Every structure is written in structure tokens, then in C-alpha cells.
Amino acid sequence: STPVDPPAACRLSGRCPIEQPVCSTRDMPL
């Protein structure tokens, strides 16, 4: 993704092989 408009939640959202629905809506802290 472009760093000008990165995913709002998990940065890997849309590319991740194990992505779950929550990954596109919730931030993922360490």
C-alpha cells in the first residue's frame, strides 16, 4: 500500500494470507 493512504487498521490488511474481518477495522498493537 502507499504510505500516503495506508490501511487504517492493520498495515498488512488486504495482503495478509490469514486475514480476518477484524483486521481491516481494528488497530493491531505489538
PDB file of all heavy atoms in Angstrom:
ATOM      1  N   SER A   1       0.833  -1.201   0.000  1.00  0.00           N
ATOM      2  CA  SER A   1       0.000   0.000   0.000  1.00  0.00           C
ATOM      3  C   SER A   1       0.871   1.256   0.000  1.00  0.00           C
ATOM      4  O   SER A   1       2.029   1.228   0.427  1.00  0.00           O
ATOM      5  CB  SER A   1      -0.922   0.009   1.221  1.00  0.00           C
ATOM      6  OG  SER A   1      -1.743  -1.132   1.246  1.00  0.00           O
ATOM      7  N   THR A   2       0.319   2.353  -0.450  1.00  0.00           N
ATOM      8  CA  THR A   2       1.043   3.610  -0.427  1.00  0.00           C
ATOM      9  C   THR A   2       1.070   4.192   0.982  1.00  0.00           C
ATOM     10  O   THR A   2       0.047   4.149   1.689  1.00  0.00           O
ATOM     11  CB  THR A   2       0.419   4.632  -1.390  1.00  0.00           C
ATOM     12  OG1 THR A   2       1.040   5.918  -1.174  1.00  0.00           O
ATOM     13  CG2 THR A   2      -1.070   4.775  -1.159  1.00  0.00           C
ATOM     14  N   PRO A   3       2.206   4.720   1.428  1.00  0.00           N
ATOM     15  CA  PRO A   3       2.254   5.353   2.753  1.00  0.00           C
ATOM     16  C   PRO A   3       1.474   6.661   2.816  1.00  0.00           C
ATOM     17  O   PRO A   3       1.285   7.206   3.897  1.00  0.00           O
ATOM     18  CB  PRO A   3       3.755   5.584   2.981  1.00  0.00           C
ATOM     19  CG  PRO A   3       4.355   5.616   1.621  1.00  0.00           C
ATOM     20  CD  PRO A   3       3.537   4.678   0.784  1.00  0.00           C
ATOM     21  N   VAL A   4       1.015   7.163   1.666  1.00  0.00           N
ATOM     22  CA  VAL A   4       0.168   8.352   1.680  1.00  0.00           C
ATOM     23  C   VAL A   4      -1.228   8.008   2.169  1.00  0.00           C
ATOM     24  O   VAL A   4      -1.889   8.799   2.834  1.00  0.00           O
ATOM     25  CB  VAL A   4       0.109   8.985   0.271  1.00  0.00           C
ATOM     26  CG1 VAL A   4      -0.876  10.151   0.242  1.00  0.00           C
ATOM     27  CG2 VAL A   4       1.494   9.455  -0.159  1.00  0.00           C
ATOM     28  N   ASP A   5      -1.665   6.805   1.877  1.00  0.00           N
ATOM     29  CA  ASP A   5      -3.001   6.370   2.304  1.00  0.00           C
ATOM     30  C   ASP A   5      -2.919   4.927   2.796  1.00  0.00           C
ATOM     31  O   ASP A   5      -3.473   4.013   2.184  1.00  0.00           O
ATOM     32  CB  ASP A   5      -3.987   6.478   1.135  1.00  0.00           C
ATOM     33  CG  ASP A   5      -5.414   6.183   1.561  1.00  0.00           C
ATOM     34  OD1 ASP A   5      -5.727   6.357   2.761  1.00  0.00           O
ATOM     35  OD2 ASP A   5      -6.204   5.754   0.699  1.00  0.00           O
ATOM     36  N   PRO A   6      -2.220   4.705   3.923  1.00  0.00           N
ATOM     37  CA  PRO A   6      -2.055   3.331   4.411  1.00  0.00           C
ATOM     38  C   PRO A   6      -3.364   2.808   4.990  1.00  0.00           C
ATOM     39  O   PRO A   6      -4.269   3.579   5.328  1.00  0.00           O
ATOM     40  CB  PRO A   6      -0.996   3.494   5.514  1.00  0.00           C
ATOM     41  CG  PRO A   6      -1.188   4.885   6.013  1.00  0.00           C
ATOM     42  CD  PRO A   6      -1.578   5.691   4.803  1.00  0.00           C
ATOM     43  N   PRO A   7      -3.497   1.479   5.106  1.00  0.00           N
ATOM     44  CA  PRO A   7      -4.695   0.920   5.740  1.00  0.00           C
ATOM     45  C   PRO A   7      -4.910   1.514   7.131  1.00  0.00           C
ATOM     46  O   PRO A   7      -3.959   1.733   7.877  1.00  0.00           O
ATOM     47  CB  PRO A   7      -4.376  -0.579   5.816  1.00  0.00           C
ATOM     48  CG  PRO A   7      -3.407  -0.811   4.697  1.00  0.00           C
ATOM     49  CD  PRO A   7      -2.579   0.439   4.624  1.00  0.00           C
ATOM     50  N   ALA A   8      -6.152   1.760   7.469  1.00  0.00           N
ATOM     51  CA  ALA A   8      -6.464   2.442   8.725  1.00  0.00           C
ATOM     52  C   ALA A   8      -6.214   1.562   9.938  1.00  0.00           C
ATOM     53  O   ALA A   8      -5.966   2.068  11.032  1.00  0.00           O
ATOM     54  CB  ALA A   8      -7.917   2.908   8.709  1.00  0.00           C
ATOM     55  N   ALA A   9      -6.284   0.263   9.777  1.00  0.00           N
ATOM     56  CA  ALA A   9      -6.103  -0.657  10.911  1.00  0.00           C
ATOM     57  C   ALA A   9      -4.779  -1.394  10.744  1.00  0.00           C
ATOM     58  O   ALA A   9      -3.721  -0.780  10.758  1.00  0.00           O
ATOM     59  CB  ALA A   9      -7.291  -1.601  10.987  1.00  0.00           C
ATOM     60  N   CYS A  10      -4.814  -2.702  10.554  1.00  0.00           N
ATOM     61  CA  CYS A  10      -3.591  -3.461  10.336  1.00  0.00           C
ATOM     62  C   CYS A  10      -2.955  -3.031   9.023  1.00  0.00           C
ATOM     63  O   CYS A  10      -3.630  -2.974   7.987  1.00  0.00           O
ATOM     64  CB  CYS A  10      -3.886  -4.964  10.315  1.00  0.00           C
ATOM     65  SG  CYS A  10      -2.443  -5.980   9.925  1.00  0.00           S
ATOM     66  N   ARG A  11      -1.652  -2.730   9.049  1.00  0.00           N
ATOM     67  CA  ARG A  11      -0.962  -2.249   7.850  1.00  0.00           C
ATOM     68  C   ARG A  11      -0.928  -3.302   6.744  1.00  0.00           C
ATOM     69  O   ARG A  11      -0.816  -2.977   5.567  1.00  0.00           O
ATOM     70  CB  ARG A  11       0.472  -1.842   8.204  1.00  0.00           C
ATOM     71  CG  ARG A  11       0.582  -0.501   8.933  1.00  0.00           C
ATOM     72  CD  ARG A  11       0.173   0.627   7.994  1.00  0.00           C
ATOM     73  NE  ARG A  11       0.563   1.934   8.499  1.00  0.00           N
ATOM     74  CZ  ARG A  11      -0.223   2.756   9.153  1.00  0.00           C
ATOM     75  NH1 ARG A  11      -1.466   2.377   9.416  1.00  0.00           N
ATOM     76  NH2 ARG A  11       0.211   3.939   9.558  1.00  0.00           N
ATOM     77  N   LEU A  12      -1.041  -4.573   7.102  1.00  0.00           N
ATOM     78  CA  LEU A  12      -0.966  -5.639   6.104  1.00  0.00           C
ATOM     79  C   LEU A  12      -2.348  -6.021   5.567  1.00  0.00           C
ATOM     80  O   LEU A  12      -2.469  -6.928   4.753  1.00  0.00           O
ATOM     81  CB  LEU A  12      -0.279  -6.872   6.701  1.00  0.00           C
ATOM     82  CG  LEU A  12       0.371  -7.851   5.727  1.00  0.00           C
ATOM     83  CD1 LEU A  12       1.472  -7.190   4.920  1.00  0.00           C
ATOM     84  CD2 LEU A  12       0.914  -9.078   6.462  1.00  0.00           C
ATOM     85  N   SER A  13      -3.370  -5.317   6.016  1.00  0.00           N
ATOM     86  CA  SER A  13      -4.734  -5.609   5.580  1.00  0.00           C
ATOM     87  C   SER A  13      -4.832  -5.553   4.053  1.00  0.00           C
ATOM     88  O   SER A  13      -4.337  -4.641   3.415  1.00  0.00           O
ATOM     89  CB  SER A  13      -5.709  -4.609   6.199  1.00  0.00           C
ATOM     90  OG  SER A  13      -7.030  -4.849   5.762  1.00  0.00           O
ATOM     91  N   GLY A  14      -5.467  -6.557   3.477  1.00  0.00           N
ATOM     92  CA  GLY A  14      -5.596  -6.651   2.027  1.00  0.00           C
ATOM     93  C   GLY A  14      -4.518  -7.497   1.374  1.00  0.00           C
ATOM     94  O   GLY A  14      -4.661  -7.891   0.212  1.00  0.00           O
ATOM     95  N   ARG A  15      -3.462  -7.802   2.110  1.00  0.00           N
ATOM     96  CA  ARG A  15      -2.362  -8.608   1.558  1.00  0.00           C
ATOM     97  C   ARG A  15      -2.107  -9.879   2.365  1.00  0.00           C
ATOM     98  O   ARG A  15      -1.424 -10.774   1.903  1.00  0.00           O
ATOM     99  CB  ARG A  15      -1.067  -7.788   1.525  1.00  0.00           C
ATOM    100  CG  ARG A  15      -1.124  -6.493   0.754  1.00  0.00           C
ATOM    101  CD  ARG A  15       0.274  -5.914   0.629  1.00  0.00           C
ATOM    102  NE  ARG A  15       1.103  -6.752  -0.238  1.00  0.00           N
ATOM    103  CZ  ARG A  15       2.438  -6.726  -0.248  1.00  0.00           C
ATOM    104  NH1 ARG A  15       3.082  -5.946   0.600  1.00  0.00           N
ATOM    105  NH2 ARG A  15       3.106  -7.515  -1.072  1.00  0.00           N
ATOM    106  N   CYS A  16      -2.622  -9.932   3.557  1.00  0.00           N
ATOM    107  CA  CYS A  16      -2.265 -10.989   4.507  1.00  0.00           C
ATOM    108  C   CYS A  16      -2.920 -12.327   4.154  1.00  0.00           C
ATOM    109  O   CYS A  16      -4.118 -12.374   3.857  1.00  0.00           O
ATOM    110  CB  CYS A  16      -2.683 -10.559   5.914  1.00  0.00           C
ATOM    111  SG  CYS A  16      -2.272 -11.781   7.180  1.00  0.00           S
ATOM    112  N   PRO A  17      -2.156 -13.431   4.206  1.00  0.00           N
ATOM    113  CA  PRO A  17      -2.726 -14.743   3.884  1.00  0.00           C
ATOM    114  C   PRO A  17      -3.648 -15.307   4.957  1.00  0.00           C
ATOM    115  O   PRO A  17      -4.351 -16.288   4.708  1.00  0.00           O
ATOM    116  CB  PRO A  17      -1.486 -15.631   3.718  1.00  0.00           C
ATOM    117  CG  PRO A  17      -0.430 -14.979   4.544  1.00  0.00           C
ATOM    118  CD  PRO A  17      -0.693 -13.509   4.448  1.00  0.00           C
ATOM    119  N   ILE A  18      -3.665 -14.728   6.156  1.00  0.00           N
ATOM    120  CA  ILE A  18      -4.551 -15.239   7.213  1.00  0.00           C
ATOM    121  C   ILE A  18      -5.493 -14.140   7.709  1.00  0.00           C
ATOM    122  O   ILE A  18      -5.976 -14.193   8.830  1.00  0.00           O
ATOM    123  CB  ILE A  18      -3.742 -15.801   8.393  1.00  0.00           C
ATOM    124  CG1 ILE A  18      -2.831 -14.732   8.997  1.00  0.00           C
ATOM    125  CG2 ILE A  18      -2.941 -17.024   7.979  1.00  0.00           C
ATOM    126  CD1 ILE A  18      -2.291 -15.102  10.364  1.00  0.00           C
ATOM    127  N   GLU A  19      -5.760 -13.156   6.874  1.00  0.00           N
ATOM    128  CA  GLU A  19      -6.559 -12.002   7.302  1.00  0.00           C
ATOM    129  C   GLU A  19      -7.957 -12.419   7.757  1.00  0.00           C
ATOM    130  O   GLU A  19      -8.608 -13.265   7.149  1.00  0.00           O
ATOM    131  CB  GLU A  19      -6.668 -10.988   6.156  1.00  0.00           C
ATOM    132  CG  GLU A  19      -7.397  -9.718   6.552  1.00  0.00           C
ATOM    133  CD  GLU A  19      -7.273  -8.633   5.498  1.00  0.00           C
ATOM    134  OE1 GLU A  19      -6.521  -8.831   4.531  1.00  0.00           O
ATOM    135  OE2 GLU A  19      -7.928  -7.580   5.658  1.00  0.00           O
ATOM    136  N   GLN A  20      -8.392 -11.782   8.858  1.00  0.00           N
ATOM    137  CA  GLN A  20      -9.725 -11.967   9.404  1.00  0.00           C
ATOM    138  C   GLN A  20     -10.498 -10.643   9.264  1.00  0.00           C
ATOM    139  O   GLN A  20      -9.896  -9.584   9.090  1.00  0.00           O
ATOM    140  CB  GLN A  20      -9.639 -12.375  10.873  1.00  0.00           C
ATOM    141  CG  GLN A  20      -8.774 -13.598  11.128  1.00  0.00           C
ATOM    142  CD  GLN A  20      -9.339 -14.849  10.510  1.00  0.00           C
ATOM    143  OE1 GLN A  20     -10.552 -15.072  10.563  1.00  0.00           O
ATOM    144  NE2 GLN A  20      -8.481 -15.678   9.921  1.00  0.00           N
ATOM    145  N   PRO A  21     -11.836 -10.683   9.352  1.00  0.00           N
ATOM    146  CA  PRO A  21     -12.613  -9.439   9.194  1.00  0.00           C
ATOM    147  C   PRO A  21     -12.169  -8.318  10.119  1.00  0.00           C
ATOM    148  O   PRO A  21     -12.165  -7.143   9.738  1.00  0.00           O
ATOM    149  CB  PRO A  21     -14.051  -9.887   9.506  1.00  0.00           C
ATOM    150  CG  PRO A  21     -14.071 -11.334   9.106  1.00  0.00           C
ATOM    151  CD  PRO A  21     -12.718 -11.858   9.458  1.00  0.00           C
ATOM    152  N   VAL A  22     -11.750  -8.658  11.346  1.00  0.00           N
ATOM    153  CA  VAL A  22     -11.373  -7.631  12.306  1.00  0.00           C
ATOM    154  C   VAL A  22     -10.098  -6.898  11.883  1.00  0.00           C
ATOM    155  O   VAL A  22      -9.850  -5.767  12.314  1.00  0.00           O
ATOM    156  CB  VAL A  22     -11.189  -8.262  13.704  1.00  0.00           C
ATOM    157  CG1 VAL A  22      -9.944  -9.167  13.732  1.00  0.00           C
ATOM    158  CG2 VAL A  22     -11.096  -7.203  14.780  1.00  0.00           C
ATOM    159  N   CYS A  23      -9.295  -7.510  11.039  1.00  0.00           N
ATOM    160  CA  CYS A  23      -8.000  -6.919  10.668  1.00  0.00           C
ATOM    161  C   CYS A  23      -8.152  -5.612   9.904  1.00  0.00           C
ATOM    162  O   CYS A  23      -7.242  -4.768   9.916  1.00  0.00           O
ATOM    163  CB  CYS A  23      -7.186  -7.900   9.839  1.00  0.00           C
ATOM    164  SG  CYS A  23      -6.792  -9.446  10.694  1.00  0.00           S
ATOM    165  N   SER A  24      -9.242  -5.418   9.219  1.00  0.00           N
ATOM    166  CA  SER A  24      -9.443  -4.196   8.446  1.00  0.00           C
ATOM    167  C   SER A  24     -10.138  -3.101   9.230  1.00  0.00           C
ATOM    168  O   SER A  24     -10.336  -1.995   8.721  1.00  0.00           O
ATOM    169  CB  SER A  24     -10.257  -4.504   7.184  1.00  0.00           C
ATOM    170  OG  SER A  24     -11.536  -5.013   7.535  1.00  0.00           O
ATOM    171  N   THR A  25     -10.515  -3.401  10.489  1.00  0.00           N
ATOM    172  CA  THR A  25     -11.254  -2.414  11.280  1.00  0.00           C
ATOM    173  C   THR A  25     -10.573  -2.048  12.589  1.00  0.00           C
ATOM    174  O   THR A  25     -10.879  -1.014  13.170  1.00  0.00           O
ATOM    175  CB  THR A  25     -12.663  -2.938  11.599  1.00  0.00           C
ATOM    176  OG1 THR A  25     -12.560  -4.151  12.357  1.00  0.00           O
ATOM    177  CG2 THR A  25     -13.441  -3.202  10.317  1.00  0.00           C
ATOM    178  N   ARG A  26      -9.643  -2.902  13.069  1.00  0.00           N
ATOM    179  CA  ARG A  26      -9.043  -2.671  14.382  1.00  0.00           C
ATOM    180  C   ARG A  26      -7.537  -2.542  14.281  1.00  0.00           C
ATOM    181  O   ARG A  26      -6.882  -3.299  13.558  1.00  0.00           O
ATOM    182  CB  ARG A  26      -9.396  -3.827  15.332  1.00  0.00           C
ATOM    183  CG  ARG A  26      -9.130  -3.514  16.795  1.00  0.00           C
ATOM    184  CD  ARG A  26      -9.516  -4.695  17.652  1.00  0.00           C
ATOM    185  NE  ARG A  26      -8.500  -5.754  17.585  1.00  0.00           N
ATOM    186  CZ  ARG A  26      -8.658  -6.977  18.087  1.00  0.00           C
ATOM    187  NH1 ARG A  26      -9.805  -7.294  18.658  1.00  0.00           N
ATOM    188  NH2 ARG A  26      -7.696  -7.869  18.005  1.00  0.00           N
ATOM    189  N   ASP A  27      -6.982  -1.575  15.005  1.00  0.00           N
ATOM    190  CA  ASP A  27      -5.533  -1.414  15.051  1.00  0.00           C
ATOM    191  C   ASP A  27      -4.904  -2.638  15.718  1.00  0.00           C
ATOM    192  O   ASP A  27      -5.498  -3.255  16.611  1.00  0.00           O
ATOM    193  CB  ASP A  27      -5.183  -0.147  15.829  1.00  0.00           C
ATOM    194  CG  ASP A  27      -3.738   0.248  15.649  1.00  0.00           C
ATOM    195  OD1 ASP A  27      -3.081  -0.275  14.733  1.00  0.00           O
ATOM    196  OD2 ASP A  27      -3.255   1.086  16.436  1.00  0.00           O
ATOM    197  N   MET A  28      -3.686  -2.975  15.270  1.00  0.00           N
ATOM    198  CA  MET A  28      -3.017  -4.157  15.793  1.00  0.00           C
ATOM    199  C   MET A  28      -1.718  -3.743  16.494  1.00  0.00           C
ATOM    200  O   MET A  28      -0.661  -3.665  15.864  1.00  0.00           O
ATOM    201  CB  MET A  28      -2.707  -5.142  14.657  1.00  0.00           C
ATOM    202  CG  MET A  28      -3.928  -5.617  13.900  1.00  0.00           C
ATOM    203  SD  MET A  28      -5.039  -6.572  14.964  1.00  0.00           S
ATOM    204  CE  MET A  28      -6.423  -6.841  13.843  1.00  0.00           C
ATOM    205  N   PRO A  29      -1.767  -3.453  17.794  1.00  0.00           N
ATOM    206  CA  PRO A  29      -0.548  -3.064  18.517  1.00  0.00           C
ATOM    207  C   PRO A  29       0.343  -4.269  18.765  1.00  0.00           C
ATOM    208  O   PRO A  29      -0.098  -5.425  18.709  1.00  0.00           O
ATOM    209  CB  PRO A  29      -1.089  -2.500  19.833  1.00  0.00           C
ATOM    210  CG  PRO A  29      -2.380  -3.241  20.042  1.00  0.00           C
ATOM    211  CD  PRO A  29      -2.954  -3.443  18.669  1.00  0.00           C
ATOM    212  N   LEU A  30       1.598  -4.006  19.067  1.00  0.00           N
ATOM    213  CA  LEU A  30       2.523  -5.078  19.429  1.00  0.00           C
ATOM    214  C   LEU A  30       2.100  -5.700  20.749  1.00  0.00           C
ATOM    215  O   LEU A  30       1.781  -4.994  21.702  1.00  0.00           O
ATOM    216  CB  LEU A  30       3.946  -4.533  19.543  1.00  0.00           C
ATOM    217  CG  LEU A  30       4.668  -4.190  18.238  1.00  0.00           C
ATOM    218  CD1 LEU A  30       5.923  -3.386  18.529  1.00  0.00           C
ATOM    219  CD2 LEU A  30       5.017  -5.455  17.462  1.00  0.00           C
TER     220      LEU A  30
END
